[in-house]
Amino acid sequence: MTLANLEIGTEAKVTQILGETPATKRLMEMGVVPGVKVRVVKSAPFGDPIEIRVRGYSLALRKSEAETIEVQISN
């Protein structure tokens, strides 16, 4: 499952970042790394971009960027 598929308010743990693009490297530099918990806060009216909370701060991501982040829903 990817971050782009999560419902608003869902918390999940990052399991993998797919790809070697500058955008995915930048996400990792900003703290979106395997093992970290993220929560979907809200999304724009058409679902792009989405806002997530990671490591205590908010981050807006394009849907295409969120699709490169694999997650596992937290219990």
N, C-alpha and C. Protein backbone atom coordinates (compact mmCIF):
# COMPACT_ATOMS: atom_id res chain seq x y z
N MET A 1 0.85 -1.17 0.00
CA MET A 1 0.00 0.00 0.00
C MET A 1 0.90 1.24 0.00
N THR A 2 0.47 2.27 -0.69
CA THR A 2 1.25 3.51 -0.73
C THR A 2 0.58 4.61 0.08
N LEU A 3 1.34 5.63 0.36
CA LEU A 3 0.83 6.77 1.12
C LEU A 3 -0.33 7.44 0.40
N ALA A 4 -0.34 7.39 -0.90
CA ALA A 4 -1.40 8.01 -1.70
C ALA A 4 -2.75 7.32 -1.49
N ASN A 5 -2.75 6.07 -1.03
CA ASN A 5 -3.98 5.31 -0.85
C ASN A 5 -4.63 5.48 0.52
N LEU A 6 -3.95 6.13 1.46
CA LEU A 6 -4.46 6.24 2.82
C LEU A 6 -5.59 7.25 2.94
N GLU A 7 -6.52 6.95 3.83
CA GLU A 7 -7.63 7.86 4.12
C GLU A 7 -7.13 8.96 5.06
N ILE A 8 -7.83 10.07 5.08
CA ILE A 8 -7.50 11.18 5.98
C ILE A 8 -7.62 10.70 7.42
N GLY A 9 -6.63 11.04 8.24
CA GLY A 9 -6.60 10.65 9.64
C GLY A 9 -5.89 9.33 9.91
N THR A 10 -5.53 8.60 8.88
CA THR A 10 -4.88 7.31 9.04
C THR A 10 -3.39 7.49 9.35
N GLU A 11 -2.92 6.71 10.32
CA GLU A 11 -1.50 6.72 10.65
C GLU A 11 -0.87 5.43 10.14
N ALA A 12 0.33 5.55 9.60
CA ALA A 12 1.01 4.39 9.04
C ALA A 12 2.52 4.53 9.24
N LYS A 13 3.21 3.42 9.07
CA LYS A 13 4.66 3.41 9.17
C LYS A 13 5.25 3.23 7.77
N VAL A 14 6.22 4.05 7.44
CA VAL A 14 6.89 3.96 6.14
C VAL A 14 7.72 2.68 6.10
N THR A 15 7.53 1.89 5.04
CA THR A 15 8.30 0.66 4.91
C THR A 15 9.37 0.76 3.83
N GLN A 16 9.11 1.59 2.81
CA GLN A 16 10.06 1.67 1.70
C GLN A 16 9.79 2.92 0.88
N ILE A 17 10.87 3.50 0.35
CA ILE A 17 10.77 4.61 -0.61
C ILE A 17 11.23 4.05 -1.95
N LEU A 18 10.35 4.13 -2.95
CA LEU A 18 10.65 3.58 -4.26
C LEU A 18 11.31 4.62 -5.16
N GLY A 19 12.32 4.21 -5.90
CA GLY A 19 12.93 5.10 -6.88
C GLY A 19 14.18 5.78 -6.38
N GLU A 20 14.91 6.34 -7.31
CA GLU A 20 16.16 7.04 -7.02
C GLU A 20 16.14 8.45 -7.62
N THR A 21 14.97 9.06 -7.70
CA THR A 21 14.85 10.39 -8.29
C THR A 21 15.27 11.46 -7.29
N PRO A 22 15.55 12.66 -7.77
CA PRO A 22 15.86 13.76 -6.84
C PRO A 22 14.71 14.01 -5.84
N ALA A 23 13.47 13.82 -6.28
CA ALA A 23 12.33 14.04 -5.38
C ALA A 23 12.31 13.02 -4.25
N THR A 24 12.58 11.75 -4.54
CA THR A 24 12.58 10.74 -3.48
C THR A 24 13.77 10.95 -2.53
N LYS A 25 14.89 11.36 -3.06
CA LYS A 25 16.04 11.65 -2.20
C LYS A 25 15.74 12.83 -1.29
N ARG A 26 15.05 13.83 -1.82
CA ARG A 26 14.68 15.00 -1.02
C ARG A 26 13.70 14.61 0.09
N LEU A 27 12.76 13.73 -0.20
CA LEU A 27 11.83 13.26 0.82
C LEU A 27 12.59 12.59 1.96
N MET A 28 13.57 11.78 1.62
CA MET A 28 14.37 11.11 2.65
C MET A 28 15.17 12.12 3.46
N GLU A 29 15.68 13.16 2.81
CA GLU A 29 16.40 14.21 3.54
C GLU A 29 15.48 14.95 4.51
N MET A 30 14.19 15.02 4.19
CA MET A 30 13.23 15.70 5.05
C MET A 30 12.68 14.78 6.14
N GLY A 31 13.18 13.57 6.24
CA GLY A 31 12.79 12.69 7.33
C GLY A 31 11.80 11.60 6.99
N VAL A 32 11.38 11.50 5.74
CA VAL A 32 10.48 10.42 5.33
C VAL A 32 11.36 9.22 4.97
N VAL A 33 11.65 8.42 5.98
CA VAL A 33 12.53 7.27 5.83
C VAL A 33 11.83 6.02 6.37
N PRO A 34 12.28 4.84 5.96
CA PRO A 34 11.67 3.62 6.49
C PRO A 34 11.70 3.59 8.02
N GLY A 35 10.56 3.20 8.60
CA GLY A 35 10.42 3.10 10.04
C GLY A 35 9.73 4.28 10.70
N VAL A 36 9.66 5.42 10.02
CA VAL A 36 9.04 6.60 10.61
C VAL A 36 7.52 6.53 10.44
N LYS A 37 6.80 7.07 11.45
CA LYS A 37 5.33 7.11 11.37
C LYS A 37 4.88 8.39 10.69
N VAL A 38 3.88 8.26 9.85
CA VAL A 38 3.28 9.41 9.16
C VAL A 38 1.77 9.35 9.34
N ARG A 39 1.13 10.51 9.28
CA ARG A 39 -0.33 10.58 9.37
C ARG A 39 -0.84 11.52 8.30
N VAL A 40 -1.87 11.09 7.58
CA VAL A 40 -2.49 11.92 6.55
C VAL A 40 -3.41 12.91 7.25
N VAL A 41 -3.17 14.20 7.06
CA VAL A 41 -3.94 15.25 7.73
C VAL A 41 -5.12 15.69 6.87
N LYS A 42 -4.86 16.03 5.62
CA LYS A 42 -5.93 16.48 4.72
C LYS A 42 -5.45 16.41 3.29
N SER A 43 -6.39 16.60 2.38
CA SER A 43 -6.04 16.64 0.96
C SER A 43 -6.81 17.77 0.29
N ALA A 44 -6.29 18.21 -0.82
CA ALA A 44 -6.96 19.24 -1.61
C ALA A 44 -8.26 18.67 -2.18
N PRO A 45 -9.15 19.52 -2.66
CA PRO A 45 -10.45 19.03 -3.16
C PRO A 45 -10.37 17.90 -4.18
N PHE A 46 -9.40 17.90 -5.04
CA PHE A 46 -9.30 16.83 -6.03
C PHE A 46 -8.25 15.79 -5.65
N GLY A 47 -7.80 15.83 -4.38
CA GLY A 47 -6.89 14.82 -3.87
C GLY A 47 -5.42 15.08 -4.13
N ASP A 48 -5.07 16.22 -4.69
CA ASP A 48 -3.67 16.51 -4.99
C ASP A 48 -3.41 17.99 -4.74
N PRO A 49 -2.57 18.36 -3.83
CA PRO A 49 -1.66 17.56 -3.02
C PRO A 49 -2.33 17.06 -1.73
N ILE A 50 -1.58 16.26 -0.97
CA ILE A 50 -2.04 15.81 0.34
C ILE A 50 -1.08 16.37 1.39
N GLU A 51 -1.61 16.56 2.59
CA GLU A 51 -0.77 17.04 3.70
C GLU A 51 -0.57 15.90 4.67
N ILE A 52 0.68 15.67 5.06
CA ILE A 52 0.98 14.64 6.05
C ILE A 52 1.72 15.26 7.22
N ARG A 53 1.68 14.57 8.36
CA ARG A 53 2.48 14.93 9.53
C ARG A 53 3.56 13.88 9.66
N VAL A 54 4.79 14.33 9.75
CA VAL A 54 5.93 13.43 9.90
C VAL A 54 6.94 14.10 10.81
N ARG A 55 7.37 13.41 11.84
CA ARG A 55 8.38 13.91 12.78
C ARG A 55 8.02 15.28 13.35
N GLY A 56 6.72 15.53 13.58
CA GLY A 56 6.30 16.76 14.23
C GLY A 56 6.09 17.96 13.32
N TYR A 57 6.19 17.79 12.02
CA TYR A 57 5.91 18.92 11.14
C TYR A 57 5.02 18.48 9.98
N SER A 58 4.40 19.45 9.33
CA SER A 58 3.51 19.18 8.20
C SER A 58 4.29 19.26 6.90
N LEU A 59 3.89 18.39 5.98
CA LEU A 59 4.55 18.31 4.68
C LEU A 59 3.48 18.08 3.62
N ALA A 60 3.49 18.89 2.57
CA ALA A 60 2.55 18.71 1.46
C ALA A 60 3.26 17.94 0.35
N LEU A 61 2.59 16.91 -0.15
CA LEU A 61 3.15 16.06 -1.20
C LEU A 61 2.20 15.97 -2.38
N ARG A 62 2.77 15.92 -3.56
CA ARG A 62 1.97 15.61 -4.74
C ARG A 62 1.57 14.15 -4.66
N LYS A 63 0.48 13.81 -5.31
CA LYS A 63 0.01 12.43 -5.34
C LYS A 63 1.09 11.52 -5.94
N SER A 64 1.77 11.98 -6.98
CA SER A 64 2.81 11.17 -7.61
C SER A 64 3.96 10.90 -6.66
N GLU A 65 4.29 11.85 -5.79
CA GLU A 65 5.33 11.63 -4.79
C GLU A 65 4.86 10.66 -3.72
N ALA A 66 3.61 10.80 -3.30
CA ALA A 66 3.06 9.91 -2.27
C ALA A 66 2.98 8.47 -2.76
N GLU A 67 2.84 8.27 -4.06
CA GLU A 67 2.78 6.91 -4.61
C GLU A 67 4.13 6.20 -4.57
N THR A 68 5.21 6.93 -4.33
CA THR A 68 6.53 6.30 -4.23
C THR A 68 6.86 5.87 -2.80
N ILE A 69 5.96 6.16 -1.86
CA ILE A 69 6.20 5.83 -0.45
C ILE A 69 5.30 4.69 -0.04
N GLU A 70 5.89 3.52 0.19
CA GLU A 70 5.13 2.36 0.65
C GLU A 70 4.99 2.42 2.16
N VAL A 71 3.79 2.10 2.65
CA VAL A 71 3.50 2.18 4.07
C VAL A 71 2.76 0.94 4.54
N GLN A 72 2.76 0.77 5.86
CA GLN A 72 1.99 -0.27 6.51
C GLN A 72 1.15 0.42 7.58
N ILE A 73 -0.15 0.17 7.58
CA ILE A 73 -1.04 0.83 8.53
C ILE A 73 -0.71 0.40 9.95
N SER A 74 -0.62 1.40 10.84
CA SER A 74 -0.33 1.15 12.25
C SER A 74 -1.57 0.62 12.95
N ASN A 75 -1.36 -0.25 13.92
CA ASN A 75 -2.49 -0.79 14.69
C ASN A 75 -2.58 -0.14 16.04
